[in-house]
Amino acid sequence: MERIQCFDPEAKAFHRKLFGEDERIVYSDRSYDAVQDADALLLLTEWDEFRNVNFETIQTSMRTPVIID
């Protein structure tokens, strides 16, 4: 089954309300957990938290290291 692993602490409650409890959507509590075994990473924010991420760690955590910023 395909799924989306996401991390957005500010919008988590809003997304759950919008999409409901869908087994295809996994809400991660930590940013690095969201990329574990992922096929791709879409970085869609300019938050300071994501300006200095360790891309080497992210790349080794992913199944297919495709990163789009």
PDB file of N, CA and C in Angstrom:
ATOM      1  N   MET A   1       0.836  -1.168   0.000  1.00  0.00           N
ATOM      2  CA  MET A   1       0.000   0.000   0.000  1.00  0.00           C
ATOM      3  C   MET A   1       0.895   1.251   0.000  1.00  0.00           C
ATOM      4  N   GLU A   2       0.548   2.191  -0.809  1.00  0.00           N
ATOM      5  CA  GLU A   2       1.258   3.465  -0.834  1.00  0.00           C
ATOM      6  C   GLU A   2       0.768   4.330   0.307  1.00  0.00           C
ATOM      7  N   ARG A   3       1.685   5.136   0.846  1.00  0.00           N
ATOM      8  CA  ARG A   3       1.289   6.014   1.934  1.00  0.00           C
ATOM      9  C   ARG A   3       2.138   7.275   1.937  1.00  0.00           C
ATOM     10  N   ILE A   4       1.660   8.241   2.663  1.00  0.00           N
ATOM     11  CA  ILE A   4       2.361   9.504   2.844  1.00  0.00           C
ATOM     12  C   ILE A   4       2.796   9.580   4.296  1.00  0.00           C
ATOM     13  N   GLN A   5       4.075   9.825   4.510  1.00  0.00           N
ATOM     14  CA  GLN A   5       4.601  10.078   5.844  1.00  0.00           C
ATOM     15  C   GLN A   5       4.869  11.574   5.903  1.00  0.00           C
ATOM     16  N   CYS A   6       4.278  12.256   6.852  1.00  0.00           N
ATOM     17  CA  CYS A   6       4.439  13.704   6.880  1.00  0.00           C
ATOM     18  C   CYS A   6       4.815  14.189   8.275  1.00  0.00           C
ATOM     19  N   PHE A   7       5.426  15.374   8.268  1.00  0.00           N
ATOM     20  CA  PHE A   7       5.792  16.036   9.511  1.00  0.00           C
ATOM     21  C   PHE A   7       5.465  17.510   9.365  1.00  0.00           C
ATOM     22  N   ASP A   8       4.550  17.969  10.164  1.00  0.00           N
ATOM     23  CA  ASP A   8       4.195  19.385  10.201  1.00  0.00           C
ATOM     24  C   ASP A   8       3.524  19.646  11.541  1.00  0.00           C
ATOM     25  N   PRO A   9       4.309  19.979  12.553  1.00  0.00           N
ATOM     26  CA  PRO A   9       3.732  20.133  13.894  1.00  0.00           C
ATOM     27  C   PRO A   9       2.715  21.267  14.000  1.00  0.00           C
ATOM     28  N   GLU A  10       2.831  22.272  13.166  1.00  0.00           N
ATOM     29  CA  GLU A  10       1.901  23.400  13.216  1.00  0.00           C
ATOM     30  C   GLU A  10       0.542  23.052  12.597  1.00  0.00           C
ATOM     31  N   ALA A  11       0.537  22.207  11.588  1.00  0.00           N
ATOM     32  CA  ALA A  11      -0.703  21.931  10.859  1.00  0.00           C
ATOM     33  C   ALA A  11      -1.233  20.513  11.066  1.00  0.00           C
ATOM     34  N   LYS A  12      -0.632  19.764  11.950  1.00  0.00           N
ATOM     35  CA  LYS A  12      -1.021  18.374  12.168  1.00  0.00           C
ATOM     36  C   LYS A  12      -2.513  18.234  12.505  1.00  0.00           C
ATOM     37  N   ALA A  13      -2.993  19.008  13.448  1.00  0.00           N
ATOM     38  CA  ALA A  13      -4.406  18.915  13.842  1.00  0.00           C
ATOM     39  C   ALA A  13      -5.327  19.315  12.696  1.00  0.00           C
ATOM     40  N   PHE A  14      -4.951  20.349  11.956  1.00  0.00           N
ATOM     41  CA  PHE A  14      -5.749  20.785  10.811  1.00  0.00           C
ATOM     42  C   PHE A  14      -5.831  19.693   9.753  1.00  0.00           C
ATOM     43  N   HIS A  15      -4.701  19.064   9.446  1.00  0.00           N
ATOM     44  CA  HIS A  15      -4.686  18.008   8.425  1.00  0.00           C
ATOM     45  C   HIS A  15      -5.499  16.803   8.859  1.00  0.00           C
ATOM     46  N   ARG A  16      -5.420  16.447  10.127  1.00  0.00           N
ATOM     47  CA  ARG A  16      -6.226  15.322  10.623  1.00  0.00           C
ATOM     48  C   ARG A  16      -7.714  15.629  10.495  1.00  0.00           C
ATOM     49  N   LYS A  17      -8.084  16.875  10.770  1.00  0.00           N
ATOM     50  CA  LYS A  17      -9.484  17.268  10.639  1.00  0.00           C
ATOM     51  C   LYS A  17      -9.911  17.252   9.172  1.00  0.00           C
ATOM     52  N   LEU A  18      -9.036  17.727   8.297  1.00  0.00           N
ATOM     53  CA  LEU A  18      -9.325  17.812   6.871  1.00  0.00           C
ATOM     54  C   LEU A  18      -9.399  16.436   6.215  1.00  0.00           C
ATOM     55  N   PHE A  19      -8.420  15.562   6.504  1.00  0.00           N
ATOM     56  CA  PHE A  19      -8.333  14.255   5.844  1.00  0.00           C
ATOM     57  C   PHE A  19      -8.890  13.113   6.671  1.00  0.00           C
ATOM     58  N   GLY A  20      -9.163  13.356   7.948  1.00  0.00           N
ATOM     59  CA  GLY A  20      -9.655  12.295   8.815  1.00  0.00           C
ATOM     60  C   GLY A  20      -8.557  11.302   9.141  1.00  0.00           C
ATOM     61  N   GLU A  21      -8.951  10.221   9.745  1.00  0.00           N
ATOM     62  CA  GLU A  21      -7.992   9.159  10.080  1.00  0.00           C
ATOM     63  C   GLU A  21      -7.907   8.211   8.889  1.00  0.00           C
ATOM     64  N   ASP A  22      -6.914   8.416   8.076  1.00  0.00           N
ATOM     65  CA  ASP A  22      -6.699   7.629   6.867  1.00  0.00           C
ATOM     66  C   ASP A  22      -5.432   6.817   7.054  1.00  0.00           C
ATOM     67  N   GLU A  23      -5.520   5.512   6.900  1.00  0.00           N
ATOM     68  CA  GLU A  23      -4.348   4.654   7.133  1.00  0.00           C
ATOM     69  C   GLU A  23      -3.228   4.899   6.131  1.00  0.00           C
ATOM     70  N   ARG A  24      -3.511   5.623   5.057  1.00  0.00           N
ATOM     71  CA  ARG A  24      -2.477   5.934   4.070  1.00  0.00           C
ATOM     72  C   ARG A  24      -1.650   7.159   4.449  1.00  0.00           C
ATOM     73  N   ILE A  25      -2.047   7.865   5.516  1.00  0.00           N
ATOM     74  CA  ILE A  25      -1.327   9.051   5.966  1.00  0.00           C
ATOM     75  C   ILE A  25      -0.760   8.780   7.359  1.00  0.00           C
ATOM     76  N   VAL A  26       0.558   8.892   7.482  1.00  0.00           N
ATOM     77  CA  VAL A  26       1.238   8.700   8.761  1.00  0.00           C
ATOM     78  C   VAL A  26       1.776  10.054   9.201  1.00  0.00           C
ATOM     79  N   TYR A  27       1.365  10.508  10.370  1.00  0.00           N
ATOM     80  CA  TYR A  27       1.818  11.788  10.905  1.00  0.00           C
ATOM     81  C   TYR A  27       2.987  11.530  11.855  1.00  0.00           C
ATOM     82  N   SER A  28       4.179  11.892  11.442  1.00  0.00           N
ATOM     83  CA  SER A  28       5.370  11.668  12.255  1.00  0.00           C
ATOM     84  C   SER A  28       5.513  12.758  13.305  1.00  0.00           C
ATOM     85  N   ASP A  29       6.058  12.380  14.454  1.00  0.00           N
ATOM     86  CA  ASP A  29       6.289  13.343  15.524  1.00  0.00           C
ATOM     87  C   ASP A  29       7.646  14.031  15.396  1.00  0.00           C
ATOM     88  N   ARG A  30       8.553  13.432  14.620  1.00  0.00           N
ATOM     89  CA  ARG A  30       9.886  14.010  14.410  1.00  0.00           C
ATOM     90  C   ARG A  30      10.169  14.062  12.915  1.00  0.00           C
ATOM     91  N   SER A  31      10.871  15.088  12.486  1.00  0.00           N
ATOM     92  CA  SER A  31      11.123  15.270  11.054  1.00  0.00           C
ATOM     93  C   SER A  31      11.898  14.105  10.445  1.00  0.00           C
ATOM     94  N   TYR A  32      12.909  13.610  11.139  1.00  0.00           N
ATOM     95  CA  TYR A  32      13.710  12.519  10.587  1.00  0.00           C
ATOM     96  C   TYR A  32      12.925  11.209  10.505  1.00  0.00           C
ATOM     97  N   ASP A  33      11.918  11.037  11.348  1.00  0.00           N
ATOM     98  CA  ASP A  33      11.075   9.832  11.269  1.00  0.00           C
ATOM     99  C   ASP A  33      10.265   9.805   9.976  1.00  0.00           C
ATOM    100  N   ALA A  34       9.906  10.966   9.474  1.00  0.00           N
ATOM    101  CA  ALA A  34       9.081  11.050   8.267  1.00  0.00           C
ATOM    102  C   ALA A  34       9.809  10.571   7.017  1.00  0.00           C
ATOM    103  N   VAL A  35      11.142  10.554   7.033  1.00  0.00           N
ATOM    104  CA  VAL A  35      11.886  10.124   5.842  1.00  0.00           C
ATOM    105  C   VAL A  35      12.352   8.676   5.916  1.00  0.00           C
ATOM    106  N   GLN A  36      12.118   8.014   7.033  1.00  0.00           N
ATOM    107  CA  GLN A  36      12.559   6.625   7.202  1.00  0.00           C
ATOM    108  C   GLN A  36      11.924   5.731   6.142  1.00  0.00           C
ATOM    109  N   ASP A  37      12.762   5.102   5.324  1.00  0.00           N
ATOM    110  CA  ASP A  37      12.339   4.180   4.251  1.00  0.00           C
ATOM    111  C   ASP A  37      11.465   4.854   3.188  1.00  0.00           C
ATOM    112  N   ALA A  38      11.572   6.159   3.055  1.00  0.00           N
ATOM    113  CA  ALA A  38      10.775   6.891   2.068  1.00  0.00           C
ATOM    114  C   ALA A  38      11.393   6.777   0.672  1.00  0.00           C
ATOM    115  N   ASP A  39      10.550   6.880  -0.332  1.00  0.00           N
ATOM    116  CA  ASP A  39      11.004   6.877  -1.722  1.00  0.00           C
ATOM    117  C   ASP A  39      11.343   8.275  -2.204  1.00  0.00           C
ATOM    118  N   ALA A  40      10.766   9.288  -1.568  1.00  0.00           N
ATOM    119  CA  ALA A  40      11.027  10.671  -1.971  1.00  0.00           C
ATOM    120  C   ALA A  40      10.734  11.595  -0.793  1.00  0.00           C
ATOM    121  N   LEU A  41      11.408  12.744  -0.802  1.00  0.00           N
ATOM    122  CA  LEU A  41      11.188  13.774   0.194  1.00  0.00           C
ATOM    123  C   LEU A  41      10.825  15.062  -0.522  1.00  0.00           C
ATOM    124  N   LEU A  42       9.697  15.624  -0.155  1.00  0.00           N
ATOM    125  CA  LEU A  42       9.299  16.934  -0.659  1.00  0.00           C
ATOM    126  C   LEU A  42       9.424  17.899   0.503  1.00  0.00           C
ATOM    127  N   LEU A  43      10.302  18.864   0.382  1.00  0.00           N
ATOM    128  CA  LEU A  43      10.505  19.864   1.414  1.00  0.00           C
ATOM    129  C   LEU A  43       9.764  21.113   0.973  1.00  0.00           C
ATOM    130  N   LEU A  44       8.640  21.389   1.628  1.00  0.00           N
ATOM    131  CA  LEU A  44       7.720  22.416   1.143  1.00  0.00           C
ATOM    132  C   LEU A  44       7.535  23.566   2.129  1.00  0.00           C
ATOM    133  N   THR A  45       8.599  23.936   2.798  1.00  0.00           N
ATOM    134  CA  THR A  45       8.517  25.018   3.774  1.00  0.00           C
ATOM    135  C   THR A  45       9.850  25.736   3.873  1.00  0.00           C
ATOM    136  N   GLU A  46       9.816  26.925   4.408  1.00  0.00           N
ATOM    137  CA  GLU A  46      11.043  27.680   4.626  1.00  0.00           C
ATOM    138  C   GLU A  46      11.315  27.852   6.116  1.00  0.00           C
ATOM    139  N   TRP A  47      10.736  27.012   6.946  1.00  0.00           N
ATOM    140  CA  TRP A  47      10.952  27.100   8.387  1.00  0.00           C
ATOM    141  C   TRP A  47      12.428  26.953   8.700  1.00  0.00           C
ATOM    142  N   ASP A  48      12.891  27.678   9.702  1.00  0.00           N
ATOM    143  CA  ASP A  48      14.296  27.621  10.117  1.00  0.00           C
ATOM    144  C   ASP A  48      14.718  26.200  10.492  1.00  0.00           C
ATOM    145  N   GLU A  49      13.808  25.432  11.035  1.00  0.00           N
ATOM    146  CA  GLU A  49      14.091  24.053  11.444  1.00  0.00           C
ATOM    147  C   GLU A  49      14.641  23.212  10.287  1.00  0.00           C
ATOM    148  N   PHE A  50      14.252  23.547   9.057  1.00  0.00           N
ATOM    149  CA  PHE A  50      14.646  22.758   7.906  1.00  0.00           C
ATOM    150  C   PHE A  50      15.796  23.379   7.111  1.00  0.00           C
ATOM    151  N   ARG A  51      16.320  24.476   7.572  1.00  0.00           N
ATOM    152  CA  ARG A  51      17.428  25.136   6.868  1.00  0.00           C
ATOM    153  C   ARG A  51      18.764  24.438   7.104  1.00  0.00           C
ATOM    154  N   ASN A  52      18.894  23.759   8.230  1.00  0.00           N
ATOM    155  CA  ASN A  52      20.166  23.127   8.583  1.00  0.00           C
ATOM    156  C   ASN A  52      20.011  21.636   8.868  1.00  0.00           C
ATOM    157  N   VAL A  53      19.233  20.948   8.063  1.00  0.00           N
ATOM    158  CA  VAL A  53      19.058  19.505   8.262  1.00  0.00           C
ATOM    159  C   VAL A  53      20.291  18.764   7.765  1.00  0.00           C
ATOM    160  N   ASN A  54      20.477  17.583   8.259  1.00  0.00           N
ATOM    161  CA  ASN A  54      21.603  16.756   7.853  1.00  0.00           C
ATOM    162  C   ASN A  54      21.156  15.887   6.666  1.00  0.00           C
ATOM    163  N   PHE A  55      21.463  16.355   5.467  1.00  0.00           N
ATOM    164  CA  PHE A  55      21.012  15.637   4.270  1.00  0.00           C
ATOM    165  C   PHE A  55      21.694  14.284   4.114  1.00  0.00           C
ATOM    166  N   GLU A  56      22.870  14.108   4.679  1.00  0.00           N
ATOM    167  CA  GLU A  56      23.537  12.799   4.631  1.00  0.00           C
ATOM    168  C   GLU A  56      22.744  11.786   5.454  1.00  0.00           C
ATOM    169  N   THR A  57      22.295  12.195   6.632  1.00  0.00           N
ATOM    170  CA  THR A  57      21.465  11.325   7.467  1.00  0.00           C
ATOM    171  C   THR A  57      20.146  11.018   6.777  1.00  0.00           C
ATOM    172  N   ILE A  58      19.548  12.024   6.190  1.00  0.00           N
ATOM    173  CA  ILE A  58      18.283  11.844   5.478  1.00  0.00           C
ATOM    174  C   ILE A  58      18.461  10.861   4.327  1.00  0.00           C
ATOM    175  N   GLN A  59      19.503  11.048   3.548  1.00  0.00           N
ATOM    176  CA  GLN A  59      19.748  10.194   2.389  1.00  0.00           C
ATOM    177  C   GLN A  59      19.925   8.740   2.788  1.00  0.00           C
ATOM    178  N   THR A  60      20.646   8.482   3.858  1.00  0.00           N
ATOM    179  CA  THR A  60      20.866   7.089   4.275  1.00  0.00           C
ATOM    180  C   THR A  60      19.624   6.478   4.911  1.00  0.00           C
ATOM    181  N   SER A  61      18.688   7.313   5.384  1.00  0.00           N
ATOM    182  CA  SER A  61      17.444   6.813   5.976  1.00  0.00           C
ATOM    183  C   SER A  61      16.412   6.442   4.931  1.00  0.00           C
ATOM    184  N   MET A  62      16.561   7.012   3.754  1.00  0.00           N
ATOM    185  CA  MET A  62      15.558   6.813   2.704  1.00  0.00           C
ATOM    186  C   MET A  62      15.818   5.546   1.900  1.00  0.00           C
ATOM    187  N   ARG A  63      14.763   4.963   1.397  1.00  0.00           N
ATOM    188  CA  ARG A  63      14.878   3.815   0.513  1.00  0.00           C
ATOM    189  C   ARG A  63      15.406   4.260  -0.856  1.00  0.00           C
ATOM    190  N   THR A  64      14.815   5.309  -1.388  1.00  0.00           N
ATOM    191  CA  THR A  64      15.221   5.912  -2.661  1.00  0.00           C
ATOM    192  C   THR A  64      15.465   7.387  -2.384  1.00  0.00           C
ATOM    193  N   PRO A  65      16.718   7.824  -2.361  1.00  0.00           N
ATOM    194  CA  PRO A  65      16.988   9.212  -1.975  1.00  0.00           C
ATOM    195  C   PRO A  65      16.697  10.235  -3.083  1.00  0.00           C
ATOM    196  N   VAL A  66      15.419  10.511  -3.279  1.00  0.00           N
ATOM    197  CA  VAL A  66      14.991  11.567  -4.182  1.00  0.00           C
ATOM    198  C   VAL A  66      14.517  12.717  -3.303  1.00  0.00           C
ATOM    199  N   ILE A  67      15.206  13.852  -3.383  1.00  0.00           N
ATOM    200  CA  ILE A  67      14.895  14.990  -2.510  1.00  0.00           C
ATOM    201  C   ILE A  67      14.556  16.190  -3.379  1.00  0.00           C
ATOM    202  N   ILE A  68      13.365  16.735  -3.175  1.00  0.00           N
ATOM    203  CA  ILE A  68      12.905  17.912  -3.916  1.00  0.00           C
ATOM    204  C   ILE A  68      12.643  19.023  -2.909  1.00  0.00           C
ATOM    205  N   ASP A  69      13.347  20.139  -3.112  1.00  0.00           N
ATOM    206  CA  ASP A  69      13.214  21.276  -2.202  1.00  0.00           C
ATOM    207  C   ASP A  69      12.650  22.442  -2.983  1.00  0.00           C
TER     208      ASP A  69
END
